[in-house]
Protein backbone atom coordinates (compact mmCIF):
# COMPACT_ATOMS: atom_id res chain seq x y z
CA MET A 1 0.10 0.18 -0.08
CA ARG A 2 1.74 3.17 -1.08
CA SER A 3 1.33 5.85 0.96
CA SER A 4 2.50 6.10 3.63
CA SER A 5 0.58 9.31 4.82
CA SER A 6 -1.77 8.87 8.15
CA ASP A 7 -4.70 11.07 6.55
CA GLU A 8 -4.31 8.55 3.74
CA ARG A 9 -8.07 7.93 3.06
CA PHE A 10 -9.74 4.66 2.85
CA ILE A 11 -10.55 4.48 -0.99
CA ASP A 12 -6.91 5.13 -1.23
CA LEU A 13 -5.87 1.72 0.31
CA PHE A 14 -8.02 -0.17 -2.56
CA THR A 15 -5.45 -0.99 -5.27
CA PRO A 16 -5.29 -3.37 -8.14
CA ARG A 17 -2.49 -4.44 -5.73
CA THR A 18 -4.28 -4.86 -2.58
CA LEU A 19 -7.90 -5.86 -4.44
CA PRO A 20 -6.92 -9.59 -4.53
CA ILE A 21 -5.71 -9.74 -0.70
CA PHE A 22 -9.19 -8.23 0.82
CA LEU A 23 -10.68 -10.43 -1.66
CA MET A 24 -8.77 -13.90 -0.29
CA PHE A 25 -10.23 -13.22 2.99
CA PHE A 26 -13.60 -12.49 2.00
CA PHE A 27 -14.03 -15.95 0.42
CA TRP A 28 -11.53 -17.85 3.29
CA GLY A 29 -14.17 -16.15 5.65
CA PHE A 30 -17.20 -17.06 3.26
CA GLY A 31 -15.74 -20.63 3.81
CA THR A 32 -15.12 -20.56 8.31
CA GLY A 33 -18.74 -18.90 8.59
CA GLY A 34 -20.01 -22.15 6.56
CA LEU A 35 -17.58 -24.63 8.95
CA TRP A 36 -18.97 -22.91 11.88
CA LEU A 37 -22.04 -24.44 10.77
CA VAL A 38 -21.66 -27.47 9.83
CA ARG A 39 -18.80 -28.91 12.32
CA PRO A 40 -20.58 -28.98 16.06
CA LEU A 41 -24.23 -30.08 13.67
CA PHE A 42 -21.60 -33.00 11.43
CA ALA A 43 -19.87 -34.26 14.72
CA TYR A 44 -23.41 -34.29 16.78
CA GLU A 45 -24.65 -36.61 13.81
CA LEU A 46 -22.10 -39.34 13.84
CA SER A 47 -21.11 -39.20 17.55
CA GLU A 48 -24.31 -38.19 19.69
CA SER A 49 -22.57 -37.04 22.44
CA PHE A 50 -22.02 -33.04 23.27
CA LEU A 51 -18.33 -33.94 24.56
CA LEU A 52 -17.34 -35.76 21.37
CA VAL A 53 -18.84 -31.79 19.45
CA ALA A 54 -16.77 -30.09 22.17
CA LEU A 55 -13.20 -32.03 21.29
CA VAL A 56 -13.47 -31.98 17.65
CA SER A 57 -13.88 -27.67 18.32
CA ALA A 58 -10.61 -28.16 20.31
CA VAL A 59 -8.58 -30.25 18.65
CA SER A 60 -8.96 -28.82 15.59
CA ALA A 61 -6.39 -26.03 17.19
CA ALA A 62 -4.21 -28.63 18.12
CA PRO A 63 -1.74 -29.05 15.06
CA ARG A 64 -1.56 -25.02 14.42
CA SER A 65 0.54 -24.48 17.79
CA PHE A 66 3.59 -26.05 15.67
CA THR A 67 2.07 -25.57 12.00
CA GLY A 68 1.87 -21.59 13.24
CA PRO A 69 5.87 -21.67 13.70
CA LEU A 70 7.38 -23.91 11.10
CA THR A 71 5.37 -22.43 8.55
CA GLY A 72 6.18 -18.97 9.86
CA TYR A 73 10.17 -19.91 9.29
CA LEU A 74 9.65 -21.50 6.12
CA THR A 75 8.16 -17.98 4.51
CA ASP A 76 11.20 -16.22 5.85
CA ARG A 77 13.17 -17.91 3.57
CA PHE A 78 11.01 -18.87 0.43
CA GLY A 79 8.04 -16.41 0.54
CA ARG A 80 4.44 -16.41 1.78
CA LYS A 81 2.27 -16.66 -1.21
CA TRP A 82 2.95 -20.80 -1.84
CA PHE A 83 2.20 -20.91 1.76
CA VAL A 84 -1.48 -19.41 1.59
CA ILE A 85 -1.98 -21.54 -1.09
CA LEU A 86 -0.79 -24.90 0.16
CA GLY A 87 -2.98 -24.07 3.63
CA ALA A 88 -6.22 -23.81 1.40
CA VAL A 89 -5.03 -27.09 -0.50
CA ILE A 90 -4.54 -29.11 2.34
CA HIS A 91 -7.75 -27.70 4.40
CA ILE A 92 -9.57 -28.93 0.61
CA VAL A 93 -7.99 -32.78 1.00
CA ALA A 94 -9.28 -32.56 4.60
CA LEU A 95 -12.66 -31.32 3.56
CA ILE A 96 -13.54 -34.02 0.77
CA GLY A 97 -12.22 -36.90 3.61
CA GLN A 98 -15.12 -35.30 6.24
CA PHE A 99 -17.24 -35.35 3.24
CA ASN A 100 -16.63 -38.40 2.72
CA SER A 101 -16.76 -39.78 6.57
CA THR A 102 -19.05 -42.12 8.11
CA THR A 103 -17.95 -42.69 11.27
CA TYR A 104 -16.48 -39.75 14.03
CA LEU A 105 -13.08 -40.96 14.35
CA GLN A 106 -12.87 -40.70 10.00
CA TYR A 107 -14.24 -37.22 10.60
CA PHE A 108 -12.02 -36.51 14.00
CA LEU A 109 -8.93 -37.31 11.69
CA MET A 110 -9.37 -34.79 8.91
CA GLU A 111 -10.47 -32.36 11.15
CA LEU A 112 -6.73 -32.69 12.83
CA LEU A 113 -5.68 -32.72 9.00
CA ALA A 114 -7.72 -29.62 8.57
CA GLY A 115 -6.39 -27.91 11.57
CA LEU A 116 -2.58 -28.12 9.62
CA GLY A 117 -4.25 -26.45 7.16
CA ILE A 118 -5.49 -23.26 8.58
CA GLY A 119 -2.40 -23.24 10.59
CA ALA A 120 -0.53 -22.83 7.53
CA TRP A 121 -2.95 -20.50 6.56
CA MET A 122 -3.04 -18.19 9.19
CA THR A 123 0.55 -17.88 9.51
CA SER A 124 1.11 -16.74 6.18
CA SER A 125 -1.35 -14.79 5.50
CA ASN A 126 -0.93 -12.44 8.19
CA ALA A 127 2.71 -12.50 7.11
CA LEU A 128 1.45 -11.69 3.93
CA MET A 129 -0.91 -8.52 5.44
CA ALA A 130 2.11 -7.36 7.36
CA ASP A 131 4.56 -7.18 4.31
CA TYR A 132 1.55 -5.72 1.97
CA THR A 133 0.85 -2.55 4.46
CA GLN A 134 2.66 0.42 5.80
CA LEU A 135 3.28 1.37 9.49
CA ALA A 136 0.79 4.64 8.91
CA THR A 137 -2.04 3.38 7.40
CA ARG A 138 -1.60 -0.10 8.89
CA GLY A 139 -4.35 0.45 10.84
CA ARG A 140 -7.11 0.86 8.35
CA ALA A 141 -5.72 -1.90 6.19
CA VAL A 142 -5.92 -4.66 8.62
CA ALA A 143 -9.77 -3.19 9.36
CA LEU A 144 -10.25 -3.58 5.67
CA ARG A 145 -9.43 -7.34 5.84
CA GLN A 146 -10.98 -7.90 9.01
CA THR A 147 -14.42 -6.51 7.31
CA SER A 148 -13.56 -8.58 4.41
CA SER A 149 -13.41 -11.37 6.34
CA ARG A 150 -16.39 -10.80 9.08
CA ALA A 151 -18.40 -9.77 5.42
CA GLY A 152 -18.03 -13.59 4.41
CA THR A 153 -18.07 -14.62 7.94
CA LEU A 154 -21.21 -13.52 7.67
CA LEU A 155 -22.91 -14.57 5.02
CA GLY A 156 -20.93 -18.33 5.06
CA PRO A 157 -24.13 -19.43 7.84
CA LEU A 158 -26.59 -18.45 5.65
CA VAL A 159 -25.30 -20.14 2.21
CA ALA A 160 -24.66 -23.28 3.89
CA GLY A 161 -27.72 -23.57 5.35
CA LEU A 162 -29.07 -22.92 2.39
CA VAL A 163 -26.88 -26.15 0.84
CA ALA A 164 -28.12 -28.12 3.78
CA VAL A 165 -31.65 -27.67 3.64
CA THR A 166 -31.67 -27.69 -0.38
CA GLY A 167 -29.39 -31.17 -0.41
CA ASP A 168 -27.69 -33.11 2.37
CA LEU A 169 -25.43 -31.54 5.54
CA ARG A 170 -22.19 -33.16 4.52
CA ASP A 171 -22.70 -31.10 1.28
CA VAL A 172 -21.36 -28.40 2.96
CA PHE A 173 -17.99 -29.56 3.17
CA LEU A 174 -18.13 -29.03 -0.54
CA PHE A 175 -19.29 -25.66 -0.41
CA ILE A 176 -16.65 -24.82 2.17
CA ALA A 177 -14.09 -26.35 -0.46
CA ALA A 178 -15.31 -24.52 -2.95
CA CYS A 179 -14.26 -21.25 -1.21
CA LYS A 180 -10.82 -22.55 -0.59
CA VAL A 181 -10.61 -22.97 -4.27
CA GLY A 182 -11.89 -19.46 -4.56
CA VAL A 183 -8.75 -18.52 -2.13
CA ILE A 184 -6.39 -20.70 -4.65
CA ILE A 185 -7.51 -18.73 -7.74
CA VAL A 186 -6.96 -15.23 -6.65
CA THR A 187 -3.96 -15.76 -4.43
CA LEU A 188 -2.51 -17.73 -7.62
CA LEU A 189 -3.58 -15.27 -10.39
CA TRP A 190 -3.17 -11.82 -8.75
CA VAL A 191 -1.34 -11.58 -5.52
CA ARG A 192 2.27 -11.01 -6.05
CA ASP A 193 4.93 -12.87 -3.12
CA SER A 194 6.35 -11.01 -0.77
CA ARG A 195 8.54 -10.84 2.05
CA GLY A 196 10.28 -8.92 4.44
CA ARG A 197 13.49 -7.51 3.69
CA PRO A 198 16.54 -10.30 2.75
CA ARG A 199 19.08 -10.30 5.49
CA PRO A 200 22.97 -9.68 4.94
CA ALA A 201 24.69 -13.10 4.43
CA PRO A 202 25.96 -14.80 7.69
CA SER A 203 29.23 -14.68 8.30
CA PRO A 204 31.37 -18.54 8.63
CA THR A 205 31.81 -18.23 12.15
CA SER A 206 27.47 -17.20 12.33
CA ARG A 207 25.92 -20.37 11.03
CA GLY A 208 24.42 -22.41 13.37
CA GLY A 209 21.66 -24.32 13.79
CA ILE A 210 17.78 -22.90 13.02
CA LEU A 211 17.24 -21.71 16.71
CA GLN A 212 19.96 -19.34 15.83
CA ARG A 213 19.07 -18.40 12.52
CA LEU A 214 15.65 -17.82 14.05
CA ASN A 215 17.73 -14.94 16.32
CA LEU A 216 15.14 -15.97 19.71
CA ALA A 217 16.47 -12.51 20.99
CA MET A 218 13.20 -10.84 19.53
CA PHE A 219 10.75 -13.04 21.36
CA ARG A 220 13.05 -11.90 24.61
CA SER A 221 11.69 -8.75 24.85
CA ARG A 222 9.60 -7.01 27.18
CA ALA A 223 6.97 -6.08 24.28
CA PHE A 224 6.92 -9.35 23.04
CA LEU A 225 6.03 -10.21 26.43
CA VAL A 226 3.53 -7.87 26.68
CA LEU A 227 2.05 -8.65 23.37
CA ILE A 228 1.39 -12.70 24.61
CA ILE A 229 -0.10 -11.28 27.32
CA ALA A 230 -2.68 -9.19 25.18
CA THR A 231 -3.18 -11.58 22.88
CA PHE A 232 -3.90 -14.71 24.94
CA SER A 233 -6.39 -12.35 27.06
CA VAL A 234 -8.20 -11.13 23.67
CA ASN A 235 -8.61 -14.95 22.40
CA LEU A 236 -9.78 -15.69 26.05
CA VAL A 237 -13.17 -14.28 25.05
CA THR A 238 -12.95 -14.05 20.96
CA GLY A 239 -12.95 -16.70 18.02
CA GLY A 240 -14.93 -19.58 17.27
CA THR A 241 -13.64 -21.42 20.96
CA GLY A 242 -13.51 -18.26 23.15
CA VAL A 243 -15.51 -18.11 26.05
CA PHE A 244 -18.05 -15.77 24.48
CA ARG A 245 -19.37 -18.47 22.00
CA THR A 246 -18.15 -20.67 23.75
CA PHE A 247 -20.34 -20.25 26.98
CA PHE A 248 -22.59 -17.69 26.26
CA PRO A 249 -25.15 -19.34 24.80
CA VAL A 250 -25.61 -21.33 27.52
CA GLN A 251 -25.60 -18.30 29.92
CA GLY A 252 -28.09 -16.88 27.80
CA ALA A 253 -30.42 -20.45 28.48
CA ASN A 254 -29.70 -20.93 31.82
CA ALA A 255 -29.84 -17.62 33.38
CA ALA A 256 -31.67 -15.16 30.64
CA GLY A 257 -34.36 -17.67 29.52
CA LEU A 258 -33.70 -17.02 26.43
CA ASP A 259 -34.40 -19.74 23.30
CA GLU A 260 -32.18 -21.17 20.58
CA ALA A 261 -33.82 -19.17 18.29
CA ARG A 262 -33.13 -15.41 20.35
CA VAL A 263 -29.64 -16.88 21.22
CA GLY A 264 -29.05 -17.25 17.97
CA THR A 265 -30.82 -13.93 16.79
CA LEU A 266 -27.92 -11.94 18.90
CA LEU A 267 -25.10 -13.77 18.32
CA MET A 268 -25.78 -12.55 14.41
CA PHE A 269 -26.40 -8.87 15.99
CA SER A 270 -23.14 -8.90 17.46
CA GLY A 271 -21.55 -10.15 14.04
CA ILE A 272 -23.00 -7.07 12.50
CA LEU A 273 -21.98 -4.72 15.14
CA ALA A 274 -18.38 -6.12 15.05
CA LEU A 275 -18.46 -5.73 11.35
CA GLY A 276 -19.63 -2.32 11.23
CA ALA A 277 -17.00 -1.38 13.70
CA ALA A 278 -14.19 -2.90 12.45
CA ILE A 279 -13.36 0.37 10.40
CA PRO A 280 -13.45 3.14 13.15
CA ALA A 281 -11.29 0.85 14.87
CA GLY A 282 -8.92 1.15 12.49
CA ILE A 283 -9.23 4.64 12.31
CA ALA A 284 -8.50 4.57 15.91
CA ASN A 285 -5.57 2.37 15.56
CA ASP A 286 -3.78 4.73 12.80
CA ARG A 287 -4.63 8.16 14.81
CA ILE A 288 -5.02 7.86 18.34
CA GLY A 289 -2.31 4.73 18.74
CA ARG A 290 -1.88 1.07 18.98
CA LYS A 291 -1.42 0.91 22.69
CA ARG A 292 -4.29 2.97 23.89
CA THR A 293 -6.50 1.57 21.25
CA LEU A 294 -5.61 -1.84 22.76
CA ILE A 295 -6.05 -0.51 26.35
CA PHE A 296 -9.28 0.43 25.53
CA ALA A 297 -10.22 -2.96 23.81
CA LEU A 298 -9.14 -4.74 26.38
CA LEU A 299 -10.88 -2.78 28.92
CA ALA A 300 -14.71 -2.70 27.32
CA THR A 301 -13.96 -5.99 26.58
CA SER A 302 -13.94 -6.79 30.18
CA LEU A 303 -17.18 -4.68 30.75
CA THR A 304 -18.97 -6.61 28.59
CA VAL A 305 -17.67 -9.83 30.17
CA TRP A 306 -19.08 -8.43 33.56
CA MET A 307 -22.31 -7.60 32.01
CA MET A 308 -22.76 -11.31 30.53
CA SER A 309 -22.54 -12.44 34.63
CA GLY A 310 -24.95 -10.68 35.15
CA MET A 311 -27.78 -11.08 32.26
CA SER A 312 -31.59 -11.81 33.57
CA ASP A 313 -33.76 -10.88 30.54
CA PHE A 314 -33.58 -10.48 26.58
CA GLU A 315 -32.59 -6.65 26.72
CA SER A 316 -29.60 -7.18 29.36
CA ALA A 317 -28.93 -9.73 26.82
CA LEU A 318 -29.09 -7.58 24.15
CA LEU A 319 -26.68 -4.68 25.34
CA ALA A 320 -23.88 -7.35 26.54
CA VAL A 321 -23.91 -8.45 23.11
CA LEU A 322 -24.27 -5.48 21.45
CA ALA A 323 -21.47 -3.90 23.65
CA PHE A 324 -19.27 -7.17 23.21
CA GLY A 325 -19.80 -6.89 19.41
CA LEU A 326 -18.19 -3.62 19.33
CA ALA A 327 -15.33 -4.25 22.00
CA GLU A 328 -14.58 -7.38 19.66
CA ALA A 329 -13.51 -5.79 16.40
CA PHE A 330 -11.60 -3.24 18.44
CA ALA A 331 -9.80 -6.32 20.21
CA THR A 332 -8.96 -8.51 17.57
CA GLY A 333 -8.43 -6.21 15.18
CA THR A 334 -5.61 -4.06 17.18
CA ASN A 335 -4.20 -7.10 18.19
CA GLN A 336 -3.40 -7.76 15.39
CA VAL A 337 -1.92 -4.53 14.40
CA TYR A 338 0.55 -4.67 17.40
CA ALA A 339 2.12 -7.97 16.72
CA MET A 340 2.94 -6.92 12.69
CA ASP A 341 4.12 -3.36 13.65
CA LEU A 342 6.57 -5.28 16.80
CA ALA A 343 7.37 -7.97 13.90
CA PRO A 344 10.98 -7.29 12.31
CA ASP A 345 10.79 -6.87 8.75
CA ASP A 346 13.31 -9.69 7.46
CA ARG A 347 11.34 -12.52 10.32
CA ARG A 348 8.01 -11.40 10.26
CA GLY A 349 6.49 -14.81 9.19
CA ALA A 350 8.92 -16.29 12.32
CA PHE A 351 7.62 -13.44 15.24
CA LEU A 352 4.23 -14.18 13.69
CA GLY A 353 4.57 -17.71 13.69
CA VAL A 354 4.86 -17.85 17.21
CA TRP A 355 2.70 -15.11 18.60
CA SER A 356 0.02 -17.34 16.40
CA LEU A 357 1.30 -20.03 19.78
CA SER A 358 -0.71 -17.20 22.49
CA MET A 359 -3.84 -17.06 20.40
CA ILE A 360 -4.20 -20.83 20.51
CA ALA A 361 -3.53 -21.09 24.25
CA GLY A 362 -6.37 -18.25 24.61
CA GLN A 363 -8.98 -20.15 22.25
CA VAL A 364 -8.08 -23.64 23.95
CA PHE A 365 -6.96 -23.68 27.78
CA GLY A 366 -9.31 -20.44 28.27
CA PRO A 367 -13.06 -22.55 27.84
CA ILE A 368 -11.68 -25.22 29.41
CA VAL A 369 -10.17 -23.22 32.44
CA ILE A 370 -13.59 -21.45 32.85
CA GLY A 371 -15.45 -23.87 32.66
CA SER A 372 -13.99 -25.54 35.62
CA VAL A 373 -14.67 -23.05 37.16
CA ALA A 374 -18.14 -22.77 35.91
CA ASP A 375 -18.67 -26.37 37.50
CA ASN A 376 -17.37 -25.87 40.36
CA ALA A 377 -18.62 -21.80 40.93
CA GLY A 378 -21.28 -20.88 38.49
CA PHE A 379 -21.37 -19.50 35.39
CA GLN A 380 -21.15 -15.58 37.26
CA THR A 381 -17.89 -16.78 39.26
CA ALA A 382 -16.60 -17.76 35.75
CA PHE A 383 -17.92 -14.86 33.75
CA ILE A 384 -16.61 -12.26 36.35
CA THR A 385 -13.05 -14.12 36.53
CA VAL A 386 -12.57 -13.47 33.15
CA SER A 387 -13.64 -9.87 33.48
CA GLY A 388 -10.70 -9.29 36.47
CA PHE A 389 -8.18 -11.47 33.88
CA LEU A 390 -8.93 -8.49 30.68
CA VAL A 391 -8.52 -5.74 33.47
CA ALA A 392 -5.40 -7.26 34.82
CA ALA A 393 -4.15 -7.56 31.30
CA ALA A 394 -4.78 -3.85 30.40
CA LEU A 395 -2.92 -2.85 32.80
CA ILE A 396 0.01 -4.85 32.07
CA VAL A 397 -0.07 -3.43 28.38
CA THR A 398 -0.63 0.23 30.17
CA MET A 399 2.44 0.06 32.69
CA PHE A 400 4.91 -1.55 30.12
CA GLY A 401 3.97 -1.83 26.43
CA VAL A 402 5.42 0.03 23.77
CA GLU A 403 3.26 2.49 21.30
CA THR A 404 4.77 0.87 18.32
CA ARG A 405 2.85 4.03 15.90
CA ARG A 406 5.70 6.05 16.84
CA VAL A 407 8.60 4.02 17.32
CA ARG A 408 9.02 2.17 14.17
CA GLN A 409 10.47 4.15 11.14
CA GLN A 410 7.54 4.62 8.58
CA THR A 411 10.55 4.48 5.80
CA SER A 412 11.96 0.99 7.02
CA GLU A 413 8.65 -0.25 5.15
CA HIS A 414 8.26 -0.72 1.43
CA PRO A 415 5.33 -2.63 -0.12
CA PRO A 416 6.23 -5.09 -2.34
């Protein structure tokens, strides 16, 4: 994205080079929306067990814990584009396997394979996005990426539902695979490869193993530790397996007396508001700064989780969900921009790959721990616990975080 001016308009961010990037993210989000619908339904159809349904959702993130860092390291050496395509190809293979699955075990194994592809896609696409953006406009560029992805995830369940109604539930896997084919076509034909600046050739005495070439010093900084804490905290609540989407439906039914239709309506409202708030969040990142916006996002998310702990009727649930949609847009977008800013130009892939581990940890371990608290002390205590954790994270960012919008030199970044 050419201009580095913080006054650049959103329309100026749409160029022949960047439009395919946003289209690529839309296709991926379109398929993800369908996946959120079919994954629990198909798992229950094969197993008739709620525990096994939850297990599929949890283990789908497990392969990303090693594919993310590995993909990041490889993209720094060989480029981003082909790993974006590889991630989509692996996911297509897994989806075809799921379409043909007749037992829960087959479906479970294909979900593990899908996790490999998703992990490769997430790291390589984030590195690609970081390469294509400049510091002064990165907040708004990531906001546009978020908007295109969220538009896809909102439309995906609707189309997937129509596919399931007119055909069979397993046909949804073919719909998702078609979305991944769209990702491959766009990436192959219109996306230019990118990577950070090449590093100077190492001296004979500096050549060593992989760990040496990764330069682990970038992971030992205070800024990286703050980023990890903030990322874990954000993903503790957000995402497909975060506390909100895992426990809000149950809390809404038990405490607020909501039926499934109203819970679904509230989740839709939250998604629509998050879609609309993505662009204001991007503007705040570029105009106010990443640190202050992230602090606001953590505190706002904490407030919305606390509001969920006191839900008693539809009105209180609606207020909490709408507030959460706003907070989620600010939290997820700002967190990603902050990570891209901190990533060294020549090791972005490796940095973002290791950073992704904190995302996975929040989405996997968070619901397990909070679920244990809910079992022993009730949902209200569990939600208040999460709220307190988010406040603590905001205080840590306030005291130890750095403002990356001003620290990094804008002239050091060049679009591919």
